[in-house]
Amino acid sequence: MTGGHLQIVICGAGPATNAAQLVKAAQHRSWTATVTATPSAMNFIEPQPLESLTGQPVRSTYQSSPGTRRSLPATDALVIAPATYNSINKIALGLADNYAMTSVAELIGRQVPTVIVPFVNAALAARTPFQHAVASLRDEGVHVLLGPDDQWEPHLPGNGNERQKAFPWTTAFTTAVRLAHEPRRPATGHL
């Protein structure tokens, strides 16, 4: 697929400072991108450079700027990166306690191809709630970029600063593009 729209959700972790790499990877393949940030991510990013790249405001609250759409644009793929321990658990449970998590819940519900790239240490990744969250998200059709097959593993506690340099921004995008090409699963939920 050449061209498409990528929704990016950034969570509050060290690699967030380099989220422009994901936007640039998308633009290199003629995709547009918009960025939504969790409230915690706003402490890690500088919105203005991302807004200059995307041509759109970085959203972090429900309140929109005058002249901007309140609803989510048509989205071909969603990448949540870096995804924190807390955000991954929230997403799996369907918690929508801020604009970013509400957007994620809606896009997954729309069956938009979704890639989550965790940035967690090995101690947090060893926790049962996290393992259940990853399994639940995968069962729902979300691609969690984690483990030997994805060549992305949790880092040792205290080594996050060194590990963030290797954050797989490009892999996240190429995985999202691949998923966007695949036929979507039929919805299984009943209301």
N, C-alpha and C. Protein backbone atom coordinates (compact mmCIF):
# COMPACT_ATOMS: atom_id res chain seq x y z
N MET A 1 0.86 -1.17 0.00
CA MET A 1 0.00 0.00 0.00
C MET A 1 0.90 1.23 0.00
N THR A 2 0.80 2.01 -1.03
CA THR A 2 1.49 3.29 -1.04
C THR A 2 0.46 4.32 -0.66
N GLY A 3 0.76 5.08 0.32
CA GLY A 3 -0.19 6.07 0.80
C GLY A 3 -1.20 5.43 1.72
N GLY A 4 -1.57 6.16 2.70
CA GLY A 4 -2.52 5.72 3.70
C GLY A 4 -2.41 6.71 4.84
N HIS A 5 -3.18 6.48 5.87
CA HIS A 5 -3.10 7.37 7.03
C HIS A 5 -2.73 6.55 8.26
N LEU A 6 -1.70 7.00 8.95
CA LEU A 6 -1.21 6.37 10.17
C LEU A 6 -1.56 7.23 11.36
N GLN A 7 -2.27 6.65 12.31
CA GLN A 7 -2.51 7.31 13.59
C GLN A 7 -1.44 6.82 14.55
N ILE A 8 -0.75 7.74 15.18
CA ILE A 8 0.32 7.41 16.12
C ILE A 8 -0.13 7.85 17.50
N VAL A 9 -0.02 6.94 18.47
CA VAL A 9 -0.29 7.29 19.86
C VAL A 9 1.01 7.08 20.62
N ILE A 10 1.46 8.15 21.26
CA ILE A 10 2.72 8.15 22.00
C ILE A 10 2.41 8.11 23.49
N CYS A 11 3.09 7.22 24.20
CA CYS A 11 2.96 7.15 25.66
C CYS A 11 4.22 7.71 26.31
N GLY A 12 4.16 7.94 27.60
CA GLY A 12 5.25 8.60 28.32
C GLY A 12 6.41 7.70 28.67
N ALA A 13 7.31 7.51 27.73
CA ALA A 13 8.54 6.74 27.95
C ALA A 13 9.65 7.38 27.13
N GLY A 14 10.88 7.08 27.49
CA GLY A 14 12.05 7.70 26.88
C GLY A 14 12.07 7.78 25.37
N PRO A 15 11.74 6.70 24.64
CA PRO A 15 11.80 6.78 23.18
C PRO A 15 10.84 7.81 22.57
N ALA A 16 9.86 8.28 23.32
CA ALA A 16 8.90 9.25 22.80
C ALA A 16 9.60 10.48 22.21
N THR A 17 10.76 10.81 22.75
CA THR A 17 11.48 11.99 22.25
C THR A 17 11.88 11.83 20.78
N ASN A 18 11.90 10.61 20.28
CA ASN A 18 12.28 10.34 18.89
C ASN A 18 11.12 9.91 18.01
N ALA A 19 9.90 10.23 18.41
CA ALA A 19 8.71 9.81 17.65
C ALA A 19 8.70 10.36 16.23
N ALA A 20 9.41 11.43 15.98
CA ALA A 20 9.47 11.97 14.62
C ALA A 20 10.00 10.92 13.64
N GLN A 21 10.79 9.97 14.12
CA GLN A 21 11.30 8.91 13.25
C GLN A 21 10.15 8.10 12.65
N LEU A 22 9.11 7.87 13.43
CA LEU A 22 7.95 7.12 12.94
C LEU A 22 7.19 7.94 11.90
N VAL A 23 7.01 9.22 12.17
CA VAL A 23 6.34 10.11 11.21
C VAL A 23 7.12 10.12 9.89
N LYS A 24 8.42 10.26 9.97
CA LYS A 24 9.26 10.31 8.77
C LYS A 24 9.22 9.00 7.99
N ALA A 25 9.20 7.87 8.71
CA ALA A 25 9.10 6.56 8.04
C ALA A 25 7.79 6.48 7.26
N ALA A 26 6.71 6.97 7.85
CA ALA A 26 5.41 6.96 7.17
C ALA A 26 5.44 7.88 5.94
N GLN A 27 5.97 9.08 6.12
CA GLN A 27 5.99 10.03 5.02
C GLN A 27 6.89 9.55 3.88
N HIS A 28 7.93 8.82 4.21
CA HIS A 28 8.82 8.27 3.19
C HIS A 28 8.07 7.31 2.27
N ARG A 29 7.01 6.68 2.79
CA ARG A 29 6.19 5.75 2.01
C ARG A 29 4.89 6.41 1.54
N SER A 30 4.86 7.74 1.54
CA SER A 30 3.70 8.54 1.08
C SER A 30 2.47 8.37 1.96
N TRP A 31 2.67 8.09 3.22
CA TRP A 31 1.57 8.04 4.17
C TRP A 31 1.47 9.39 4.89
N THR A 32 0.27 9.75 5.32
CA THR A 32 0.10 10.88 6.22
C THR A 32 0.08 10.33 7.64
N ALA A 33 0.30 11.20 8.59
CA ALA A 33 0.30 10.76 9.99
C ALA A 33 -0.24 11.87 10.87
N THR A 34 -0.91 11.47 11.92
CA THR A 34 -1.28 12.39 12.99
C THR A 34 -0.82 11.76 14.30
N VAL A 35 -0.59 12.63 15.27
CA VAL A 35 -0.04 12.19 16.55
C VAL A 35 -0.99 12.55 17.68
N THR A 36 -1.23 11.58 18.53
CA THR A 36 -1.96 11.78 19.78
C THR A 36 -0.99 11.35 20.89
N ALA A 37 -1.01 12.09 21.98
CA ALA A 37 -0.11 11.80 23.09
C ALA A 37 -0.90 11.62 24.37
N THR A 38 -0.48 10.65 25.18
CA THR A 38 -1.07 10.53 26.51
C THR A 38 -0.64 11.75 27.33
N PRO A 39 -1.35 12.06 28.40
CA PRO A 39 -0.92 13.19 29.23
C PRO A 39 0.53 13.05 29.69
N SER A 40 0.95 11.84 30.06
CA SER A 40 2.34 11.64 30.49
C SER A 40 3.33 11.86 29.36
N ALA A 41 2.95 11.51 28.14
CA ALA A 41 3.85 11.67 27.00
C ALA A 41 4.16 13.14 26.74
N MET A 42 3.27 14.03 27.12
CA MET A 42 3.49 15.46 26.89
C MET A 42 4.74 15.94 27.62
N ASN A 43 5.17 15.22 28.66
CA ASN A 43 6.41 15.57 29.37
C ASN A 43 7.66 15.09 28.63
N PHE A 44 7.49 14.27 27.59
CA PHE A 44 8.61 13.69 26.87
C PHE A 44 8.80 14.29 25.47
N ILE A 45 7.72 14.83 24.91
CA ILE A 45 7.80 15.29 23.52
C ILE A 45 7.74 16.81 23.44
N GLU A 46 8.17 17.31 22.30
CA GLU A 46 7.97 18.70 21.94
C GLU A 46 6.94 18.69 20.81
N PRO A 47 5.72 19.14 21.06
CA PRO A 47 4.67 19.04 20.05
C PRO A 47 4.98 19.80 18.75
N GLN A 48 5.61 20.97 18.84
CA GLN A 48 5.78 21.80 17.65
C GLN A 48 6.52 21.10 16.51
N PRO A 49 7.65 20.42 16.73
CA PRO A 49 8.29 19.74 15.61
C PRO A 49 7.41 18.65 14.99
N LEU A 50 6.66 17.93 15.81
CA LEU A 50 5.75 16.90 15.30
C LEU A 50 4.61 17.53 14.50
N GLU A 51 4.11 18.65 14.99
CA GLU A 51 3.05 19.36 14.27
C GLU A 51 3.56 19.90 12.94
N SER A 52 4.78 20.37 12.91
CA SER A 52 5.37 20.85 11.66
C SER A 52 5.51 19.71 10.65
N LEU A 53 5.91 18.55 11.14
CA LEU A 53 6.06 17.38 10.25
C LEU A 53 4.72 16.90 9.71
N THR A 54 3.73 16.81 10.57
CA THR A 54 2.44 16.23 10.17
C THR A 54 1.47 17.24 9.58
N GLY A 55 1.66 18.51 9.91
CA GLY A 55 0.71 19.53 9.49
C GLY A 55 -0.56 19.51 10.31
N GLN A 56 -0.55 18.78 11.43
CA GLN A 56 -1.72 18.64 12.30
C GLN A 56 -1.30 18.85 13.75
N PRO A 57 -2.20 19.37 14.58
CA PRO A 57 -1.86 19.52 16.00
C PRO A 57 -1.68 18.16 16.67
N VAL A 58 -0.81 18.11 17.66
CA VAL A 58 -0.68 16.93 18.51
C VAL A 58 -1.83 17.00 19.51
N ARG A 59 -2.68 15.98 19.51
CA ARG A 59 -3.83 15.97 20.41
C ARG A 59 -3.47 15.22 21.69
N SER A 60 -3.85 15.79 22.82
CA SER A 60 -3.66 15.10 24.10
C SER A 60 -4.88 15.26 25.00
N THR A 61 -5.83 16.05 24.57
CA THR A 61 -7.05 16.25 25.36
C THR A 61 -8.26 16.15 24.45
N TYR A 62 -9.41 16.04 25.05
CA TYR A 62 -10.65 15.97 24.28
C TYR A 62 -10.95 17.29 23.59
N GLN A 63 -10.51 18.38 24.18
CA GLN A 63 -10.77 19.70 23.62
C GLN A 63 -9.90 19.90 22.39
N SER A 64 -10.52 20.25 21.28
CA SER A 64 -9.75 20.46 20.06
C SER A 64 -9.56 21.93 19.80
N SER A 65 -8.57 22.24 19.01
CA SER A 65 -8.30 23.61 18.61
C SER A 65 -9.40 24.05 17.64
N PRO A 66 -9.70 25.35 17.60
CA PRO A 66 -10.69 25.82 16.63
C PRO A 66 -10.27 25.42 15.21
N GLY A 67 -11.24 24.92 14.45
CA GLY A 67 -10.97 24.55 13.07
C GLY A 67 -10.46 23.13 12.88
N THR A 68 -10.25 22.37 13.97
CA THR A 68 -9.79 20.99 13.83
C THR A 68 -10.96 20.04 14.05
N ARG A 69 -10.85 18.86 13.46
CA ARG A 69 -11.89 17.85 13.59
C ARG A 69 -11.90 17.28 15.00
N ARG A 70 -13.09 17.04 15.50
CA ARG A 70 -13.20 16.40 16.80
C ARG A 70 -13.17 14.89 16.66
N SER A 71 -13.57 14.37 15.51
CA SER A 71 -13.59 12.92 15.33
C SER A 71 -12.26 12.46 14.74
N LEU A 72 -12.01 11.17 14.85
CA LEU A 72 -10.78 10.60 14.33
C LEU A 72 -10.84 10.53 12.81
N PRO A 73 -9.75 10.84 12.13
CA PRO A 73 -9.75 10.72 10.67
C PRO A 73 -9.80 9.25 10.26
N ALA A 74 -10.17 9.01 9.01
CA ALA A 74 -10.11 7.64 8.48
C ALA A 74 -8.68 7.16 8.66
N THR A 75 -8.51 6.01 9.26
CA THR A 75 -7.19 5.52 9.63
C THR A 75 -6.95 4.15 9.02
N ASP A 76 -5.79 4.02 8.36
CA ASP A 76 -5.43 2.74 7.76
C ASP A 76 -4.63 1.86 8.70
N ALA A 77 -3.95 2.48 9.67
CA ALA A 77 -3.16 1.72 10.64
C ALA A 77 -2.94 2.59 11.87
N LEU A 78 -2.74 1.92 13.00
CA LEU A 78 -2.48 2.57 14.28
C LEU A 78 -1.21 1.99 14.86
N VAL A 79 -0.31 2.88 15.29
CA VAL A 79 0.89 2.44 16.01
C VAL A 79 0.89 3.14 17.36
N ILE A 80 1.02 2.35 18.42
CA ILE A 80 1.12 2.87 19.78
C ILE A 80 2.54 2.60 20.22
N ALA A 81 3.32 3.68 20.31
CA ALA A 81 4.75 3.52 20.59
C ALA A 81 5.34 4.82 21.11
N PRO A 82 6.19 4.78 22.08
CA PRO A 82 6.45 3.63 22.93
C PRO A 82 5.25 3.40 23.84
N ALA A 83 4.90 2.17 24.06
CA ALA A 83 3.78 1.84 24.93
C ALA A 83 4.32 1.42 26.29
N THR A 84 3.82 2.06 27.31
CA THR A 84 4.28 1.78 28.67
C THR A 84 3.52 0.59 29.26
N TYR A 85 4.05 0.08 30.34
CA TYR A 85 3.41 -1.00 31.10
C TYR A 85 1.98 -0.59 31.44
N ASN A 86 1.81 0.61 31.95
CA ASN A 86 0.51 1.10 32.37
C ASN A 86 -0.45 1.18 31.18
N SER A 87 0.01 1.75 30.07
CA SER A 87 -0.87 1.91 28.90
C SER A 87 -1.26 0.56 28.31
N ILE A 88 -0.35 -0.37 28.24
CA ILE A 88 -0.67 -1.68 27.69
C ILE A 88 -1.74 -2.37 28.53
N ASN A 89 -1.60 -2.29 29.84
CA ASN A 89 -2.61 -2.89 30.72
C ASN A 89 -3.96 -2.19 30.55
N LYS A 90 -3.95 -0.86 30.42
CA LYS A 90 -5.20 -0.11 30.21
C LYS A 90 -5.86 -0.51 28.90
N ILE A 91 -5.07 -0.58 27.84
CA ILE A 91 -5.62 -0.91 26.52
C ILE A 91 -6.27 -2.29 26.56
N ALA A 92 -5.60 -3.24 27.16
CA ALA A 92 -6.14 -4.61 27.24
C ALA A 92 -7.44 -4.66 28.02
N LEU A 93 -7.54 -3.84 29.05
CA LEU A 93 -8.76 -3.82 29.87
C LEU A 93 -9.85 -2.94 29.27
N GLY A 94 -9.52 -2.18 28.24
CA GLY A 94 -10.50 -1.29 27.62
C GLY A 94 -10.70 0.00 28.38
N LEU A 95 -9.76 0.36 29.24
CA LEU A 95 -9.89 1.59 30.01
C LEU A 95 -9.63 2.79 29.10
N ALA A 96 -10.51 3.76 29.16
CA ALA A 96 -10.41 4.94 28.31
C ALA A 96 -10.47 6.18 29.19
N ASP A 97 -9.43 6.39 29.99
CA ASP A 97 -9.44 7.46 30.97
C ASP A 97 -8.78 8.75 30.49
N ASN A 98 -8.38 8.79 29.21
CA ASN A 98 -7.86 10.02 28.63
C ASN A 98 -8.11 9.95 27.12
N TYR A 99 -7.87 11.06 26.45
CA TYR A 99 -8.18 11.12 25.02
C TYR A 99 -7.43 10.04 24.22
N ALA A 100 -6.14 9.86 24.51
CA ALA A 100 -5.35 8.87 23.77
C ALA A 100 -5.91 7.47 23.94
N MET A 101 -6.24 7.09 25.17
CA MET A 101 -6.76 5.74 25.41
C MET A 101 -8.16 5.56 24.80
N THR A 102 -8.96 6.61 24.78
CA THR A 102 -10.27 6.54 24.14
C THR A 102 -10.09 6.34 22.64
N SER A 103 -9.15 7.07 22.04
CA SER A 103 -8.87 6.93 20.61
C SER A 103 -8.42 5.50 20.28
N VAL A 104 -7.52 4.97 21.10
CA VAL A 104 -7.03 3.60 20.89
C VAL A 104 -8.18 2.61 20.99
N ALA A 105 -9.01 2.74 22.02
CA ALA A 105 -10.13 1.81 22.20
C ALA A 105 -11.05 1.85 20.99
N GLU A 106 -11.32 3.05 20.49
CA GLU A 106 -12.22 3.16 19.34
C GLU A 106 -11.59 2.57 18.08
N LEU A 107 -10.33 2.87 17.83
CA LEU A 107 -9.69 2.37 16.62
C LEU A 107 -9.55 0.86 16.63
N ILE A 108 -9.22 0.27 17.78
CA ILE A 108 -9.17 -1.18 17.87
C ILE A 108 -10.57 -1.75 17.66
N GLY A 109 -11.57 -1.10 18.23
CA GLY A 109 -12.95 -1.52 18.02
C GLY A 109 -13.39 -1.45 16.57
N ARG A 110 -12.83 -0.50 15.83
CA ARG A 110 -13.11 -0.39 14.39
C ARG A 110 -12.31 -1.42 13.58
N GLN A 111 -11.48 -2.17 14.27
CA GLN A 111 -10.60 -3.18 13.66
C GLN A 111 -9.54 -2.57 12.75
N VAL A 112 -9.08 -1.38 13.12
CA VAL A 112 -7.96 -0.77 12.40
C VAL A 112 -6.71 -1.58 12.73
N PRO A 113 -5.92 -1.98 11.73
CA PRO A 113 -4.69 -2.73 12.01
C PRO A 113 -3.83 -1.96 13.03
N THR A 114 -3.47 -2.64 14.11
CA THR A 114 -2.82 -1.99 15.24
C THR A 114 -1.53 -2.69 15.63
N VAL A 115 -0.50 -1.86 15.85
CA VAL A 115 0.80 -2.35 16.32
C VAL A 115 1.11 -1.62 17.62
N ILE A 116 1.46 -2.39 18.63
CA ILE A 116 1.89 -1.82 19.91
C ILE A 116 3.34 -2.21 20.11
N VAL A 117 4.17 -1.20 20.42
CA VAL A 117 5.59 -1.46 20.69
C VAL A 117 5.87 -1.11 22.16
N PRO A 118 5.94 -2.14 23.01
CA PRO A 118 6.19 -1.88 24.42
C PRO A 118 7.60 -1.35 24.68
N PHE A 119 7.70 -0.50 25.66
CA PHE A 119 9.00 -0.09 26.19
C PHE A 119 8.92 -0.30 27.69
N VAL A 120 9.24 -1.52 28.10
CA VAL A 120 9.13 -1.92 29.50
C VAL A 120 10.40 -2.66 29.90
N ASN A 121 10.67 -2.63 31.18
CA ASN A 121 11.82 -3.41 31.63
C ASN A 121 11.39 -4.86 31.91
N ALA A 122 12.38 -5.72 32.04
CA ALA A 122 12.11 -7.15 32.19
C ALA A 122 11.34 -7.47 33.47
N ALA A 123 11.55 -6.69 34.52
CA ALA A 123 10.81 -6.94 35.77
C ALA A 123 9.32 -6.68 35.58
N LEU A 124 8.98 -5.59 34.88
CA LEU A 124 7.57 -5.32 34.61
C LEU A 124 6.98 -6.33 33.63
N ALA A 125 7.76 -6.69 32.62
CA ALA A 125 7.28 -7.65 31.62
C ALA A 125 7.06 -9.03 32.22
N ALA A 126 7.71 -9.34 33.33
CA ALA A 126 7.55 -10.63 33.98
C ALA A 126 6.26 -10.72 34.79
N ARG A 127 5.63 -9.59 35.04
CA ARG A 127 4.41 -9.57 35.84
C ARG A 127 3.25 -10.24 35.11
N THR A 128 2.47 -11.00 35.85
CA THR A 128 1.32 -11.69 35.29
C THR A 128 0.32 -10.74 34.63
N PRO A 129 -0.01 -9.58 35.24
CA PRO A 129 -0.97 -8.69 34.56
C PRO A 129 -0.48 -8.25 33.17
N PHE A 130 0.81 -7.99 33.04
CA PHE A 130 1.35 -7.58 31.75
C PHE A 130 1.27 -8.73 30.74
N GLN A 131 1.65 -9.92 31.17
CA GLN A 131 1.61 -11.07 30.27
C GLN A 131 0.18 -11.36 29.82
N HIS A 132 -0.78 -11.21 30.73
CA HIS A 132 -2.19 -11.41 30.37
C HIS A 132 -2.64 -10.33 29.40
N ALA A 133 -2.20 -9.09 29.62
CA ALA A 133 -2.58 -7.99 28.73
C ALA A 133 -2.07 -8.23 27.32
N VAL A 134 -0.81 -8.63 27.20
CA VAL A 134 -0.23 -8.90 25.88
C VAL A 134 -1.00 -10.03 25.19
N ALA A 135 -1.27 -11.11 25.93
CA ALA A 135 -2.01 -12.24 25.35
C ALA A 135 -3.42 -11.82 24.93
N SER A 136 -4.08 -11.02 25.75
CA SER A 136 -5.44 -10.56 25.44
C SER A 136 -5.44 -9.69 24.19
N LEU A 137 -4.49 -8.79 24.09
CA LEU A 137 -4.41 -7.93 22.91
C LEU A 137 -4.13 -8.75 21.65
N ARG A 138 -3.24 -9.69 21.75
CA ARG A 138 -2.95 -10.55 20.59
C ARG A 138 -4.18 -11.36 20.20
N ASP A 139 -4.94 -11.85 21.19
CA ASP A 139 -6.18 -12.58 20.89
C ASP A 139 -7.18 -11.70 20.16
N GLU A 140 -7.11 -10.40 20.42
CA GLU A 140 -8.03 -9.45 19.78
C GLU A 140 -7.54 -9.01 18.40
N GLY A 141 -6.38 -9.51 18.00
CA GLY A 141 -5.86 -9.19 16.67
C GLY A 141 -4.86 -8.05 16.64
N VAL A 142 -4.47 -7.55 17.81
CA VAL A 142 -3.47 -6.49 17.89
C VAL A 142 -2.09 -7.13 17.80
N HIS A 143 -1.21 -6.53 17.01
CA HIS A 143 0.16 -7.05 16.91
C HIS A 143 1.00 -6.34 17.97
N VAL A 144 1.41 -7.08 18.99
CA VAL A 144 2.30 -6.54 20.02
C VAL A 144 3.70 -6.93 19.61
N LEU A 145 4.48 -5.94 19.24
CA LEU A 145 5.85 -6.15 18.76
C LEU A 145 6.72 -6.45 19.99
N LEU A 146 6.83 -7.73 20.31
CA LEU A 146 7.54 -8.13 21.53
C LEU A 146 7.91 -9.60 21.43
N GLY A 147 9.15 -9.89 21.74
CA GLY A 147 9.60 -11.27 21.77
C GLY A 147 10.63 -11.56 20.69
N PRO A 148 11.18 -12.77 20.72
CA PRO A 148 12.24 -13.13 19.78
C PRO A 148 11.83 -13.03 18.31
N ASP A 149 10.59 -13.38 17.99
CA ASP A 149 10.15 -13.31 16.60
C ASP A 149 10.15 -11.87 16.08
N ASP A 150 9.90 -10.93 16.97
CA ASP A 150 9.88 -9.51 16.59
C ASP A 150 11.22 -8.82 16.83
N GLN A 151 12.17 -9.56 17.39
CA GLN A 151 13.50 -9.02 17.70
C GLN A 151 13.42 -7.76 18.56
N TRP A 152 12.49 -7.77 19.50
CA TRP A 152 12.35 -6.66 20.44
C TRP A 152 11.99 -7.24 21.80
N GLU A 153 12.90 -7.07 22.74
CA GLU A 153 12.73 -7.66 24.07
C GLU A 153 12.72 -6.56 25.14
N PRO A 154 12.13 -6.84 26.29
CA PRO A 154 12.23 -5.90 27.40
C PRO A 154 13.70 -5.71 27.79
N HIS A 155 14.00 -4.52 28.29
CA HIS A 155 15.37 -4.23 28.72
C HIS A 155 15.53 -4.51 30.21
N LEU A 156 16.75 -4.66 30.64
CA LEU A 156 17.02 -4.86 32.06
C LEU A 156 16.64 -3.61 32.83
N PRO A 157 16.14 -3.76 34.05
CA PRO A 157 15.83 -2.57 34.85
C PRO A 157 17.05 -1.66 34.95
N GLY A 158 16.82 -0.38 34.76
CA GLY A 158 17.90 0.60 34.84
C GLY A 158 18.65 0.82 33.54
N ASN A 159 18.31 0.06 32.47
CA ASN A 159 19.01 0.19 31.19
C ASN A 159 18.14 0.82 30.10
N GLY A 160 17.07 1.48 30.47
CA GLY A 160 16.17 2.06 29.49
C GLY A 160 16.82 3.11 28.61
N ASN A 161 17.68 3.96 29.20
CA ASN A 161 18.32 5.01 28.41
C ASN A 161 19.14 4.43 27.27
N GLU A 162 19.87 3.36 27.53
CA GLU A 162 20.67 2.74 26.47
C GLU A 162 19.77 2.02 25.46
N ARG A 163 18.73 1.40 25.92
CA ARG A 163 17.85 0.60 25.05
C ARG A 163 17.02 1.47 24.11
N GLN A 164 16.69 2.69 24.54
CA GLN A 164 15.82 3.51 23.71
C GLN A 164 16.45 3.89 22.37
N LYS A 165 17.78 3.85 22.28
CA LYS A 165 18.45 4.16 21.01
C LYS A 165 18.11 3.13 19.93
N ALA A 166 17.79 1.91 20.34
CA ALA A 166 17.48 0.84 19.39
C ALA A 166 15.98 0.68 19.16
N PHE A 167 15.18 1.61 19.65
CA PHE A 167 13.72 1.46 19.55
C PHE A 167 13.31 1.25 18.09
N PRO A 168 12.46 0.25 17.81
CA PRO A 168 12.17 -0.16 16.44
C PRO A 168 11.07 0.66 15.73
N TRP A 169 11.30 1.93 15.56
CA TRP A 169 10.32 2.79 14.90
C TRP A 169 9.99 2.30 13.49
N THR A 170 11.00 2.02 12.70
CA THR A 170 10.77 1.60 11.31
C THR A 170 10.07 0.25 11.26
N THR A 171 10.46 -0.67 12.12
CA THR A 171 9.80 -1.97 12.17
C THR A 171 8.33 -1.82 12.54
N ALA A 172 8.03 -0.91 13.45
CA ALA A 172 6.64 -0.66 13.82
C ALA A 172 5.84 -0.23 12.59
N PHE A 173 6.40 0.69 11.81
CA PHE A 173 5.68 1.17 10.64
C PHE A 173 5.54 0.07 9.59
N THR A 174 6.61 -0.64 9.28
CA THR A 174 6.52 -1.67 8.25
C THR A 174 5.56 -2.79 8.66
N THR A 175 5.50 -3.08 9.94
CA THR A 175 4.53 -4.07 10.43
C THR A 175 3.11 -3.55 10.25
N ALA A 176 2.89 -2.27 10.55
CA ALA A 176 1.56 -1.67 10.37
C ALA A 176 1.15 -1.71 8.90
N VAL A 177 2.07 -1.41 8.00
CA VAL A 177 1.76 -1.45 6.56
C VAL A 177 1.40 -2.88 6.15
N ARG A 178 2.15 -3.85 6.63
CA ARG A 178 1.86 -5.25 6.31
C ARG A 178 0.46 -5.63 6.79
N LEU A 179 0.13 -5.23 8.01
CA LEU A 179 -1.19 -5.54 8.56
C LEU A 179 -2.30 -4.83 7.78
N ALA A 180 -2.01 -3.62 7.31
CA ALA A 180 -3.02 -2.88 6.54
C ALA A 180 -3.32 -3.57 5.22
N HIS A 181 -2.38 -4.35 4.71
CA HIS A 181 -2.58 -5.11 3.46
C HIS A 181 -3.41 -6.36 3.67
N GLU A 182 -3.37 -6.92 4.87
CA GLU A 182 -4.05 -8.19 5.14
C GLU A 182 -5.55 -7.98 5.26
N PRO A 183 -6.33 -8.99 4.87
CA PRO A 183 -7.77 -8.89 5.06
C PRO A 183 -8.08 -8.77 6.55
N ARG A 184 -9.06 -7.96 6.86
CA ARG A 184 -9.43 -7.77 8.27
C ARG A 184 -10.34 -8.90 8.73
N ARG A 185 -10.13 -9.25 10.01
CA ARG A 185 -10.99 -10.29 10.60
C ARG A 185 -12.40 -9.75 10.77
N PRO A 186 -13.40 -10.58 10.58
CA PRO A 186 -14.77 -10.12 10.86
C PRO A 186 -14.94 -9.87 12.36
N ALA A 187 -15.74 -8.90 12.68
CA ALA A 187 -16.02 -8.59 14.09
C ALA A 187 -16.68 -9.79 14.76
N THR A 188 -16.27 -10.08 15.99
CA THR A 188 -16.85 -11.22 16.70
C THR A 188 -17.72 -10.78 17.86
N GLY A 189 -17.67 -9.52 18.22
CA GLY A 189 -18.43 -9.03 19.36
C GLY A 189 -19.93 -8.93 19.04
N HIS A 190 -20.74 -9.10 20.03
CA HIS A 190 -22.20 -9.00 19.88
C HIS A 190 -22.70 -7.97 20.88
N LEU A 191 -23.60 -7.16 20.42
CA LEU A 191 -24.19 -6.17 21.34
C LEU A 191 -25.62 -6.51 21.63
